[in-house]
Amino acid sequence: MTIEKTNQINALLDFYEPLLTGKQTKYIAYYYREDLSLGEIAENYHVSRQAVYDNIKRTEKILAAYEEKLHLYQQFQQVNQQTEQIKAYVVSHYPEDTKLLQLLKQLESIEE
């Protein structure tokens, strides 16, 4: 499991977790967020490793399908990138403009 894939799945979970079933959420969260092994999850839920693996793979596909249709994570990344560009521009070109800096702080608080 690569760090990039883990980060991507965790980000997709942040957006689409409410759309998953309880079991899907538990298995994939334990695997990707808590870094439990398939065996540990299987033992906790008294199922086979294969059942856990199948559930996680199916859930990964479901998350990817949601993103393909809704693009929430993609839009979030684009907004963050544009916000960073705006911040850099304002700070470098208008460091004395208090109104602009205040608006920039408001924009930063929205992101949180």
PDB file of N, CA and C in Angstrom:
ATOM      1  N   MET A   1       0.847  -1.166   0.000  1.00  0.00           N
ATOM      2  CA  MET A   1       0.000   0.000   0.000  1.00  0.00           C
ATOM      3  C   MET A   1       0.898   1.236   0.000  1.00  0.00           C
ATOM      4  N   THR A   2       0.715   2.104  -0.989  1.00  0.00           N
ATOM      5  CA  THR A   2       1.550   3.292  -1.095  1.00  0.00           C
ATOM      6  C   THR A   2       0.952   4.444  -0.279  1.00  0.00           C
ATOM      7  N   ILE A   3       1.798   5.375   0.062  1.00  0.00           N
ATOM      8  CA  ILE A   3       1.356   6.544   0.814  1.00  0.00           C
ATOM      9  C   ILE A   3       0.370   7.360  -0.014  1.00  0.00           C
ATOM     10  N   GLU A   4       0.632   7.468  -1.319  1.00  0.00           N
ATOM     11  CA  GLU A   4      -0.256   8.237  -2.189  1.00  0.00           C
ATOM     12  C   GLU A   4      -1.655   7.635  -2.201  1.00  0.00           C
ATOM     13  N   LYS A   5      -1.725   6.301  -2.305  1.00  0.00           N
ATOM     14  CA  LYS A   5      -3.032   5.649  -2.325  1.00  0.00           C
ATOM     15  C   LYS A   5      -3.732   5.822  -0.984  1.00  0.00           C
ATOM     16  N   THR A   6      -2.992   5.681   0.101  1.00  0.00           N
ATOM     17  CA  THR A   6      -3.563   5.861   1.433  1.00  0.00           C
ATOM     18  C   THR A   6      -4.122   7.270   1.585  1.00  0.00           C
ATOM     19  N   ASN A   7      -3.357   8.259   1.164  1.00  0.00           N
ATOM     20  CA  ASN A   7      -3.814   9.649   1.253  1.00  0.00           C
ATOM     21  C   ASN A   7      -5.049   9.885   0.394  1.00  0.00           C
ATOM     22  N   GLN A   8      -5.061   9.301  -0.800  1.00  0.00           N
ATOM     23  CA  GLN A   8      -6.201   9.471  -1.690  1.00  0.00           C
ATOM     24  C   GLN A   8      -7.459   8.833  -1.098  1.00  0.00           C
ATOM     25  N   ILE A   9      -7.338   7.615  -0.595  1.00  0.00           N
ATOM     26  CA  ILE A   9      -8.493   6.934  -0.013  1.00  0.00           C
ATOM     27  C   ILE A   9      -8.989   7.697   1.208  1.00  0.00           C
ATOM     28  N   ASN A  10      -8.084   8.165   2.048  1.00  0.00           N
ATOM     29  CA  ASN A  10      -8.489   8.941   3.220  1.00  0.00           C
ATOM     30  C   ASN A  10      -9.204  10.233   2.824  1.00  0.00           C
ATOM     31  N   ALA A  11      -8.738  10.886   1.778  1.00  0.00           N
ATOM     32  CA  ALA A  11      -9.390  12.104   1.300  1.00  0.00           C
ATOM     33  C   ALA A  11     -10.781  11.787   0.756  1.00  0.00           C
ATOM     34  N   LEU A  12     -10.885  10.722  -0.023  1.00  0.00           N
ATOM     35  CA  LEU A  12     -12.193  10.327  -0.545  1.00  0.00           C
ATOM     36  C   LEU A  12     -13.138   9.956   0.594  1.00  0.00           C
ATOM     37  N   LEU A  13     -12.603   9.307   1.614  1.00  0.00           N
ATOM     38  CA  LEU A  13     -13.416   8.981   2.783  1.00  0.00           C
ATOM     39  C   LEU A  13     -13.950  10.243   3.464  1.00  0.00           C
ATOM     40  N   ASP A  14     -13.115  11.272   3.538  1.00  0.00           N
ATOM     41  CA  ASP A  14     -13.551  12.522   4.144  1.00  0.00           C
ATOM     42  C   ASP A  14     -14.784  13.081   3.434  1.00  0.00           C
ATOM     43  N   PHE A  15     -14.841  12.928   2.144  1.00  0.00           N
ATOM     44  CA  PHE A  15     -15.951  13.464   1.370  1.00  0.00           C
ATOM     45  C   PHE A  15     -17.148  12.519   1.280  1.00  0.00           C
ATOM     46  N   TYR A  16     -16.890  11.236   1.128  1.00  0.00           N
ATOM     47  CA  TYR A  16     -17.973  10.312   0.793  1.00  0.00           C
ATOM     48  C   TYR A  16     -18.324   9.295   1.880  1.00  0.00           C
ATOM     49  N   GLU A  17     -17.700   9.372   3.029  1.00  0.00           N
ATOM     50  CA  GLU A  17     -17.960   8.407   4.104  1.00  0.00           C
ATOM     51  C   GLU A  17     -19.441   8.288   4.460  1.00  0.00           C
ATOM     52  N   PRO A  18     -20.193   9.392   4.501  1.00  0.00           N
ATOM     53  CA  PRO A  18     -21.614   9.254   4.848  1.00  0.00           C
ATOM     54  C   PRO A  18     -22.425   8.423   3.845  1.00  0.00           C
ATOM     55  N   LEU A  19     -21.878   8.225   2.663  1.00  0.00           N
ATOM     56  CA  LEU A  19     -22.588   7.464   1.639  1.00  0.00           C
ATOM     57  C   LEU A  19     -22.309   5.959   1.722  1.00  0.00           C
ATOM     58  N   LEU A  20     -21.396   5.563   2.580  1.00  0.00           N
ATOM     59  CA  LEU A  20     -21.035   4.163   2.725  1.00  0.00           C
ATOM     60  C   LEU A  20     -21.865   3.499   3.820  1.00  0.00           C
ATOM     61  N   THR A  21     -21.937   2.170   3.767  1.00  0.00           N
ATOM     62  CA  THR A  21     -22.587   1.435   4.842  1.00  0.00           C
ATOM     63  C   THR A  21     -21.673   1.417   6.058  1.00  0.00           C
ATOM     64  N   GLY A  22     -22.219   1.029   7.177  1.00  0.00           N
ATOM     65  CA  GLY A  22     -21.426   0.964   8.403  1.00  0.00           C
ATOM     66  C   GLY A  22     -20.255   0.009   8.291  1.00  0.00           C
ATOM     67  N   LYS A  23     -20.504  -1.158   7.712  1.00  0.00           N
ATOM     68  CA  LYS A  23     -19.434  -2.148   7.582  1.00  0.00           C
ATOM     69  C   LYS A  23     -18.352  -1.667   6.621  1.00  0.00           C
ATOM     70  N   GLN A  24     -18.758  -1.061   5.515  1.00  0.00           N
ATOM     71  CA  GLN A  24     -17.771  -0.535   4.574  1.00  0.00           C
ATOM     72  C   GLN A  24     -16.900   0.511   5.250  1.00  0.00           C
ATOM     73  N   THR A  25     -17.540   1.401   5.985  1.00  0.00           N
ATOM     74  CA  THR A  25     -16.811   2.466   6.675  1.00  0.00           C
ATOM     75  C   THR A  25     -15.835   1.892   7.687  1.00  0.00           C
ATOM     76  N   LYS A  26     -16.287   0.931   8.487  1.00  0.00           N
ATOM     77  CA  LYS A  26     -15.422   0.358   9.514  1.00  0.00           C
ATOM     78  C   LYS A  26     -14.203  -0.319   8.909  1.00  0.00           C
ATOM     79  N   TYR A  27     -14.437  -1.190   7.926  1.00  0.00           N
ATOM     80  CA  TYR A  27     -13.328  -1.947   7.348  1.00  0.00           C
ATOM     81  C   TYR A  27     -12.303  -1.032   6.687  1.00  0.00           C
ATOM     82  N   ILE A  28     -12.782  -0.118   5.862  1.00  0.00           N
ATOM     83  CA  ILE A  28     -11.828   0.716   5.123  1.00  0.00           C
ATOM     84  C   ILE A  28     -11.144   1.729   6.051  1.00  0.00           C
ATOM     85  N   ALA A  29     -11.859   2.207   7.060  1.00  0.00           N
ATOM     86  CA  ALA A  29     -11.240   3.134   8.016  1.00  0.00           C
ATOM     87  C   ALA A  29     -10.184   2.422   8.852  1.00  0.00           C
ATOM     88  N   TYR A  30     -10.476   1.220   9.304  1.00  0.00           N
ATOM     89  CA  TYR A  30      -9.471   0.473  10.051  1.00  0.00           C
ATOM     90  C   TYR A  30      -8.243   0.192   9.191  1.00  0.00           C
ATOM     91  N   TYR A  31      -8.463  -0.121   7.939  1.00  0.00           N
ATOM     92  CA  TYR A  31      -7.359  -0.472   7.051  1.00  0.00           C
ATOM     93  C   TYR A  31      -6.521   0.754   6.680  1.00  0.00           C
ATOM     94  N   TYR A  32      -7.176   1.846   6.291  1.00  0.00           N
ATOM     95  CA  TYR A  32      -6.439   3.012   5.800  1.00  0.00           C
ATOM     96  C   TYR A  32      -6.139   4.057   6.870  1.00  0.00           C
ATOM     97  N   ARG A  33      -7.043   4.275   7.795  1.00  0.00           N
ATOM     98  CA  ARG A  33      -6.804   5.305   8.817  1.00  0.00           C
ATOM     99  C   ARG A  33      -6.050   4.760  10.020  1.00  0.00           C
ATOM    100  N   GLU A  34      -6.424   3.566  10.441  1.00  0.00           N
ATOM    101  CA  GLU A  34      -5.815   2.980  11.638  1.00  0.00           C
ATOM    102  C   GLU A  34      -4.644   2.050  11.306  1.00  0.00           C
ATOM    103  N   ASP A  35      -4.446   1.758  10.038  1.00  0.00           N
ATOM    104  CA  ASP A  35      -3.352   0.910   9.560  1.00  0.00           C
ATOM    105  C   ASP A  35      -3.390  -0.507  10.153  1.00  0.00           C
ATOM    106  N   LEU A  36      -4.612  -1.033  10.338  1.00  0.00           N
ATOM    107  CA  LEU A  36      -4.739  -2.420  10.781  1.00  0.00           C
ATOM    108  C   LEU A  36      -4.575  -3.341   9.578  1.00  0.00           C
ATOM    109  N   SER A  37      -4.064  -4.521   9.813  1.00  0.00           N
ATOM    110  CA  SER A  37      -3.908  -5.502   8.736  1.00  0.00           C
ATOM    111  C   SER A  37      -5.248  -6.173   8.449  1.00  0.00           C
ATOM    112  N   LEU A  38      -5.314  -6.848   7.311  1.00  0.00           N
ATOM    113  CA  LEU A  38      -6.522  -7.600   6.974  1.00  0.00           C
ATOM    114  C   LEU A  38      -6.829  -8.635   8.055  1.00  0.00           C
ATOM    115  N   GLY A  39      -5.789  -9.273   8.540  1.00  0.00           N
ATOM    116  CA  GLY A  39      -5.952 -10.289   9.570  1.00  0.00           C
ATOM    117  C   GLY A  39      -6.496  -9.724  10.869  1.00  0.00           C
ATOM    118  N   GLU A  40      -6.009  -8.558  11.258  1.00  0.00           N
ATOM    119  CA  GLU A  40      -6.492  -7.927  12.489  1.00  0.00           C
ATOM    120  C   GLU A  40      -7.965  -7.544  12.375  1.00  0.00           C
ATOM    121  N   ILE A  41      -8.330  -6.996  11.238  1.00  0.00           N
ATOM    122  CA  ILE A  41      -9.731  -6.625  11.027  1.00  0.00           C
ATOM    123  C   ILE A  41     -10.601  -7.876  11.016  1.00  0.00           C
ATOM    124  N   ALA A  42     -10.150  -8.901  10.310  1.00  0.00           N
ATOM    125  CA  ALA A  42     -10.901 -10.155  10.238  1.00  0.00           C
ATOM    126  C   ALA A  42     -11.108 -10.756  11.622  1.00  0.00           C
ATOM    127  N   GLU A  43     -10.076 -10.719  12.421  1.00  0.00           N
ATOM    128  CA  GLU A  43     -10.155 -11.266  13.775  1.00  0.00           C
ATOM    129  C   GLU A  43     -11.151 -10.474  14.628  1.00  0.00           C
ATOM    130  N   ASN A  44     -11.123  -9.155  14.503  1.00  0.00           N
ATOM    131  CA  ASN A  44     -12.037  -8.302  15.276  1.00  0.00           C
ATOM    132  C   ASN A  44     -13.501  -8.542  14.921  1.00  0.00           C
ATOM    133  N   TYR A  45     -13.762  -8.878  13.674  1.00  0.00           N
ATOM    134  CA  TYR A  45     -15.142  -9.041  13.206  1.00  0.00           C
ATOM    135  C   TYR A  45     -15.528 -10.502  12.964  1.00  0.00           C
ATOM    136  N   HIS A  46     -14.618 -11.414  13.287  1.00  0.00           N
ATOM    137  CA  HIS A  46     -14.886 -12.856  13.160  1.00  0.00           C
ATOM    138  C   HIS A  46     -15.314 -13.244  11.743  1.00  0.00           C
ATOM    139  N   VAL A  47     -14.567 -12.722  10.773  1.00  0.00           N
ATOM    140  CA  VAL A  47     -14.773 -13.066   9.367  1.00  0.00           C
ATOM    141  C   VAL A  47     -13.421 -13.441   8.777  1.00  0.00           C
ATOM    142  N   SER A  48     -13.436 -13.904   7.542  1.00  0.00           N
ATOM    143  CA  SER A  48     -12.182 -14.299   6.906  1.00  0.00           C
ATOM    144  C   SER A  48     -11.426 -13.061   6.394  1.00  0.00           C
ATOM    145  N   ARG A  49     -10.140 -13.241   6.212  1.00  0.00           N
ATOM    146  CA  ARG A  49      -9.314 -12.176   5.629  1.00  0.00           C
ATOM    147  C   ARG A  49      -9.830 -11.844   4.230  1.00  0.00           C
ATOM    148  N   GLN A  50     -10.244 -12.886   3.503  1.00  0.00           N
ATOM    149  CA  GLN A  50     -10.745 -12.693   2.147  1.00  0.00           C
ATOM    150  C   GLN A  50     -12.006 -11.821   2.149  1.00  0.00           C
ATOM    151  N   ALA A  51     -12.869 -12.017   3.135  1.00  0.00           N
ATOM    152  CA  ALA A  51     -14.084 -11.203   3.230  1.00  0.00           C
ATOM    153  C   ALA A  51     -13.730  -9.734   3.460  1.00  0.00           C
ATOM    154  N   VAL A  52     -12.768  -9.496   4.319  1.00  0.00           N
ATOM    155  CA  VAL A  52     -12.317  -8.119   4.592  1.00  0.00           C
ATOM    156  C   VAL A  52     -11.704  -7.526   3.330  1.00  0.00           C
ATOM    157  N   TYR A  53     -10.833  -8.293   2.676  1.00  0.00           N
ATOM    158  CA  TYR A  53     -10.174  -7.830   1.453  1.00  0.00           C
ATOM    159  C   TYR A  53     -11.212  -7.470   0.387  1.00  0.00           C
ATOM    160  N   ASP A  54     -12.169  -8.360   0.171  1.00  0.00           N
ATOM    161  CA  ASP A  54     -13.203  -8.119  -0.845  1.00  0.00           C
ATOM    162  C   ASP A  54     -14.006  -6.868  -0.518  1.00  0.00           C
ATOM    163  N   ASN A  55     -14.344  -6.685   0.747  1.00  0.00           N
ATOM    164  CA  ASN A  55     -15.117  -5.523   1.163  1.00  0.00           C
ATOM    165  C   ASN A  55     -14.316  -4.240   0.923  1.00  0.00           C
ATOM    166  N   ILE A  56     -13.043  -4.246   1.272  1.00  0.00           N
ATOM    167  CA  ILE A  56     -12.203  -3.061   1.089  1.00  0.00           C
ATOM    168  C   ILE A  56     -12.052  -2.731  -0.402  1.00  0.00           C
ATOM    169  N   LYS A  57     -11.791  -3.728  -1.219  1.00  0.00           N
ATOM    170  CA  LYS A  57     -11.632  -3.485  -2.662  1.00  0.00           C
ATOM    171  C   LYS A  57     -12.925  -2.956  -3.273  1.00  0.00           C
ATOM    172  N   ARG A  58     -14.050  -3.519  -2.866  1.00  0.00           N
ATOM    173  CA  ARG A  58     -15.344  -3.066  -3.364  1.00  0.00           C
ATOM    174  C   ARG A  58     -15.597  -1.617  -2.920  1.00  0.00           C
ATOM    175  N   THR A  59     -15.250  -1.308  -1.689  1.00  0.00           N
ATOM    176  CA  THR A  59     -15.441   0.048  -1.176  1.00  0.00           C
ATOM    177  C   THR A  59     -14.536   1.043  -1.888  1.00  0.00           C
ATOM    178  N   GLU A  60     -13.310   0.647  -2.195  1.00  0.00           N
ATOM    179  CA  GLU A  60     -12.413   1.517  -2.960  1.00  0.00           C
ATOM    180  C   GLU A  60     -13.041   1.869  -4.305  1.00  0.00           C
ATOM    181  N   LYS A  61     -13.628   0.879  -4.962  1.00  0.00           N
ATOM    182  CA  LYS A  61     -14.285   1.119  -6.257  1.00  0.00           C
ATOM    183  C   LYS A  61     -15.490   2.040  -6.105  1.00  0.00           C
ATOM    184  N   ILE A  62     -16.228   1.860  -5.032  1.00  0.00           N
ATOM    185  CA  ILE A  62     -17.394   2.712  -4.779  1.00  0.00           C
ATOM    186  C   ILE A  62     -16.945   4.157  -4.564  1.00  0.00           C
ATOM    187  N   LEU A  63     -15.901   4.357  -3.762  1.00  0.00           N
ATOM    188  CA  LEU A  63     -15.383   5.708  -3.530  1.00  0.00           C
ATOM    189  C   LEU A  63     -14.915   6.350  -4.835  1.00  0.00           C
ATOM    190  N   ALA A  64     -14.226   5.572  -5.657  1.00  0.00           N
ATOM    191  CA  ALA A  64     -13.753   6.087  -6.953  1.00  0.00           C
ATOM    192  C   ALA A  64     -14.940   6.457  -7.850  1.00  0.00           C
ATOM    193  N   ALA A  65     -15.990   5.657  -7.808  1.00  0.00           N
ATOM    194  CA  ALA A  65     -17.179   5.943  -8.625  1.00  0.00           C
ATOM    195  C   ALA A  65     -17.868   7.224  -8.151  1.00  0.00           C
ATOM    196  N   TYR A  66     -17.956   7.408  -6.846  1.00  0.00           N
ATOM    197  CA  TYR A  66     -18.538   8.646  -6.328  1.00  0.00           C
ATOM    198  C   TYR A  66     -17.735   9.852  -6.796  1.00  0.00           C
ATOM    199  N   GLU A  67     -16.414   9.753  -6.715  1.00  0.00           N
ATOM    200  CA  GLU A  67     -15.564  10.865  -7.133  1.00  0.00           C
ATOM    201  C   GLU A  67     -15.696  11.116  -8.625  1.00  0.00           C
ATOM    202  N   GLU A  68     -15.792  10.054  -9.404  1.00  0.00           N
ATOM    203  CA  GLU A  68     -15.933  10.185 -10.853  1.00  0.00           C
ATOM    204  C   GLU A  68     -17.224  10.923 -11.214  1.00  0.00           C
ATOM    205  N   LYS A  69     -18.254  10.713 -10.428  1.00  0.00           N
ATOM    206  CA  LYS A  69     -19.545  11.340 -10.713  1.00  0.00           C
ATOM    207  C   LYS A  69     -19.681  12.728 -10.092  1.00  0.00           C
ATOM    208  N   LEU A  70     -19.176  12.897  -8.877  1.00  0.00           N
ATOM    209  CA  LEU A  70     -19.420  14.127  -8.132  1.00  0.00           C
ATOM    210  C   LEU A  70     -18.255  15.114  -8.127  1.00  0.00           C
ATOM    211  N   HIS A  71     -17.036  14.631  -8.257  1.00  0.00           N
ATOM    212  CA  HIS A  71     -15.826  15.467  -8.352  1.00  0.00           C
ATOM    213  C   HIS A  71     -15.602  16.368  -7.134  1.00  0.00           C
ATOM    214  N   LEU A  72     -16.063  15.979  -5.963  1.00  0.00           N
ATOM    215  CA  LEU A  72     -15.904  16.833  -4.785  1.00  0.00           C
ATOM    216  C   LEU A  72     -14.442  17.002  -4.388  1.00  0.00           C
ATOM    217  N   TYR A  73     -13.687  15.916  -4.387  1.00  0.00           N
ATOM    218  CA  TYR A  73     -12.274  15.992  -4.012  1.00  0.00           C
ATOM    219  C   TYR A  73     -11.488  16.786  -5.048  1.00  0.00           C
ATOM    220  N   GLN A  74     -11.764  16.569  -6.308  1.00  0.00           N
ATOM    221  CA  GLN A  74     -11.082  17.301  -7.382  1.00  0.00           C
ATOM    222  C   GLN A  74     -11.357  18.803  -7.256  1.00  0.00           C
ATOM    223  N   GLN A  75     -12.597  19.171  -7.017  1.00  0.00           N
ATOM    224  CA  GLN A  75     -12.941  20.580  -6.863  1.00  0.00           C
ATOM    225  C   GLN A  75     -12.285  21.182  -5.621  1.00  0.00           C
ATOM    226  N   PHE A  76     -12.231  20.407  -4.552  1.00  0.00           N
ATOM    227  CA  PHE A  76     -11.577  20.854  -3.327  1.00  0.00           C
ATOM    228  C   PHE A  76     -10.104  21.153  -3.595  1.00  0.00           C
ATOM    229  N   GLN A  77      -9.435  20.269  -4.318  1.00  0.00           N
ATOM    230  CA  GLN A  77      -8.022  20.483  -4.642  1.00  0.00           C
ATOM    231  C   GLN A  77      -7.837  21.728  -5.509  1.00  0.00           C
ATOM    232  N   GLN A  78      -8.722  21.938  -6.468  1.00  0.00           N
ATOM    233  CA  GLN A  78      -8.624  23.102  -7.340  1.00  0.00           C
ATOM    234  C   GLN A  78      -8.816  24.397  -6.566  1.00  0.00           C
ATOM    235  N   VAL A  79      -9.792  24.413  -5.677  1.00  0.00           N
ATOM    236  CA  VAL A  79     -10.034  25.610  -4.864  1.00  0.00           C
ATOM    237  C   VAL A  79      -8.832  25.895  -3.976  1.00  0.00           C
ATOM    238  N   ASN A  80      -8.268  24.853  -3.377  1.00  0.00           N
ATOM    239  CA  ASN A  80      -7.080  25.054  -2.533  1.00  0.00           C
ATOM    240  C   ASN A  80      -5.907  25.592  -3.334  1.00  0.00           C
ATOM    241  N   GLN A  81      -5.709  25.066  -4.531  1.00  0.00           N
ATOM    242  CA  GLN A  81      -4.615  25.530  -5.377  1.00  0.00           C
ATOM    243  C   GLN A  81      -4.820  26.998  -5.761  1.00  0.00           C
ATOM    244  N   GLN A  82      -6.022  27.356  -6.139  1.00  0.00           N
ATOM    245  CA  GLN A  82      -6.310  28.742  -6.511  1.00  0.00           C
ATOM    246  C   GLN A  82      -6.170  29.679  -5.315  1.00  0.00           C
ATOM    247  N   THR A  83      -6.591  29.214  -4.164  1.00  0.00           N
ATOM    248  CA  THR A  83      -6.463  30.017  -2.949  1.00  0.00           C
ATOM    249  C   THR A  83      -4.994  30.283  -2.634  1.00  0.00           C
ATOM    250  N   GLU A  84      -4.157  29.274  -2.768  1.00  0.00           N
ATOM    251  CA  GLU A  84      -2.720  29.457  -2.518  1.00  0.00           C
ATOM    252  C   GLU A  84      -2.119  30.457  -3.503  1.00  0.00           C
ATOM    253  N   GLN A  85      -2.558  30.423  -4.756  1.00  0.00           N
ATOM    254  CA  GLN A  85      -2.064  31.379  -5.743  1.00  0.00           C
ATOM    255  C   GLN A  85      -2.481  32.800  -5.377  1.00  0.00           C
ATOM    256  N   ILE A  86      -3.712  32.952  -4.939  1.00  0.00           N
ATOM    257  CA  ILE A  86      -4.204  34.270  -4.531  1.00  0.00           C
ATOM    258  C   ILE A  86      -3.413  34.786  -3.336  1.00  0.00           C
ATOM    259  N   LYS A  87      -3.198  33.918  -2.362  1.00  0.00           N
ATOM    260  CA  LYS A  87      -2.425  34.309  -1.181  1.00  0.00           C
ATOM    261  C   LYS A  87      -1.038  34.798  -1.573  1.00  0.00           C
ATOM    262  N   ALA A  88      -0.366  34.023  -2.408  1.00  0.00           N
ATOM    263  CA  ALA A  88       0.995  34.381  -2.818  1.00  0.00           C
ATOM    264  C   ALA A  88       1.005  35.713  -3.557  1.00  0.00           C
ATOM    265  N   TYR A  89       0.045  35.929  -4.417  1.00  0.00           N
ATOM    266  CA  TYR A  89      -0.023  37.166  -5.184  1.00  0.00           C
ATOM    267  C   TYR A  89      -0.273  38.370  -4.278  1.00  0.00           C
ATOM    268  N   VAL A  90      -1.230  38.232  -3.385  1.00  0.00           N
ATOM    269  CA  VAL A  90      -1.563  39.340  -2.489  1.00  0.00           C
ATOM    270  C   VAL A  90      -0.375  39.690  -1.598  1.00  0.00           C
ATOM    271  N   VAL A  91       0.245  38.697  -1.013  1.00  0.00           N
ATOM    272  CA  VAL A  91       1.364  38.947  -0.097  1.00  0.00           C
ATOM    273  C   VAL A  91       2.543  39.582  -0.836  1.00  0.00           C
ATOM    274  N   SER A  92       2.799  39.160  -2.064  1.00  0.00           N
ATOM    275  CA  SER A  92       3.957  39.698  -2.779  1.00  0.00           C
ATOM    276  C   SER A  92       3.688  41.049  -3.441  1.00  0.00           C
ATOM    277  N   HIS A  93       2.444  41.308  -3.871  1.00  0.00           N
ATOM    278  CA  HIS A  93       2.162  42.548  -4.593  1.00  0.00           C
ATOM    279  C   HIS A  93       1.460  43.620  -3.755  1.00  0.00           C
ATOM    280  N   TYR A  94       0.784  43.228  -2.698  1.00  0.00           N
ATOM    281  CA  TYR A  94       0.035  44.182  -1.892  1.00  0.00           C
ATOM    282  C   TYR A  94       0.253  43.965  -0.392  1.00  0.00           C
ATOM    283  N   PRO A  95       1.499  43.955   0.054  1.00  0.00           N
ATOM    284  CA  PRO A  95       1.764  43.663   1.463  1.00  0.00           C
ATOM    285  C   PRO A  95       1.255  44.742   2.432  1.00  0.00           C
ATOM    286  N   GLU A  96       0.990  45.942   1.945  1.00  0.00           N
ATOM    287  CA  GLU A  96       0.548  47.048   2.806  1.00  0.00           C
ATOM    288  C   GLU A  96      -0.967  47.251   2.768  1.00  0.00           C
ATOM    289  N   ASP A  97      -1.663  46.549   1.906  1.00  0.00           N
ATOM    290  CA  ASP A  97      -3.113  46.734   1.746  1.00  0.00           C
ATOM    291  C   ASP A  97      -3.842  45.969   2.853  1.00  0.00           C
ATOM    292  N   THR A  98      -4.230  46.678   3.900  1.00  0.00           N
ATOM    293  CA  THR A  98      -4.834  46.028   5.064  1.00  0.00           C
ATOM    294  C   THR A  98      -6.185  45.389   4.731  1.00  0.00           C
ATOM    295  N   LYS A  99      -6.950  46.020   3.876  1.00  0.00           N
ATOM    296  CA  LYS A  99      -8.262  45.457   3.498  1.00  0.00           C
ATOM    297  C   LYS A  99      -8.074  44.131   2.769  1.00  0.00           C
ATOM    298  N   LEU A 100      -7.156  44.081   1.846  1.00  0.00           N
ATOM    299  CA  LEU A 100      -6.891  42.850   1.109  1.00  0.00           C
ATOM    300  C   LEU A 100      -6.361  41.759   2.036  1.00  0.00           C
ATOM    301  N   LEU A 101      -5.487  42.117   2.938  1.00  0.00           N
ATOM    302  CA  LEU A 101      -4.947  41.146   3.897  1.00  0.00           C
ATOM    303  C   LEU A 101      -6.041  40.626   4.833  1.00  0.00           C
ATOM    304  N   GLN A 102      -6.969  41.502   5.193  1.00  0.00           N
ATOM    305  CA  GLN A 102      -8.091  41.088   6.021  1.00  0.00           C
ATOM    306  C   GLN A 102      -8.983  40.105   5.257  1.00  0.00           C
ATOM    307  N   LEU A 103      -9.252  40.403   4.009  1.00  0.00           N
ATOM    308  CA  LEU A 103     -10.045  39.483   3.172  1.00  0.00           C
ATOM    309  C   LEU A 103      -9.333  38.152   2.993  1.00  0.00           C
ATOM    310  N   LEU A 104      -8.034  38.206   2.894  1.00  0.00           N
ATOM    311  CA  LEU A 104      -7.237  36.993   2.776  1.00  0.00           C
ATOM    312  C   LEU A 104      -7.371  36.134   4.036  1.00  0.00           C
ATOM    313  N   LYS A 105      -7.356  36.769   5.199  1.00  0.00           N
ATOM    314  CA  LYS A 105      -7.543  36.033   6.455  1.00  0.00           C
ATOM    315  C   LYS A 105      -8.928  35.399   6.511  1.00  0.00           C
ATOM    316  N   GLN A 106      -9.931  36.107   6.015  1.00  0.00           N
ATOM    317  CA  GLN A 106     -11.283  35.544   5.975  1.00  0.00           C
ATOM    318  C   GLN A 106     -11.328  34.325   5.062  1.00  0.00           C
ATOM    319  N   LEU A 107     -10.647  34.421   3.935  1.00  0.00           N
ATOM    320  CA  LEU A 107     -10.584  33.300   3.005  1.00  0.00           C
ATOM    321  C   LEU A 107      -9.909  32.094   3.647  1.00  0.00           C
ATOM    322  N   GLU A 108      -8.830  32.346   4.386  1.00  0.00           N
ATOM    323  CA  GLU A 108      -8.141  31.259   5.084  1.00  0.00           C
ATOM    324  C   GLU A 108      -9.024  30.613   6.134  1.00  0.00           C
ATOM    325  N   SER A 109      -9.832  31.410   6.823  1.00  0.00           N
ATOM    326  CA  SER A 109     -10.705  30.834   7.861  1.00  0.00           C
ATOM    327  C   SER A 109     -11.816  29.994   7.245  1.00  0.00           C
ATOM    328  N   ILE A 110     -12.244  30.302   6.063  1.00  0.00           N
ATOM    329  CA  ILE A 110     -13.250  29.499   5.360  1.00  0.00           C
ATOM    330  C   ILE A 110     -12.704  28.123   5.045  1.00  0.00           C
ATOM    331  N   GLU A 111     -11.443  28.054   4.674  1.00  0.00           N
ATOM    332  CA  GLU A 111     -10.805  26.778   4.321  1.00  0.00           C
ATOM    333  C   GLU A 111     -10.765  25.823   5.503  1.00  0.00           C
ATOM    334  N   GLU A 112     -10.666  26.343   6.704  1.00  0.00           N
ATOM    335  CA  GLU A 112     -10.571  25.516   7.898  1.00  0.00           C
ATOM    336  C   GLU A 112     -11.923  24.983   8.195  1.00  0.00           C
TER     337      GLU A 112
END
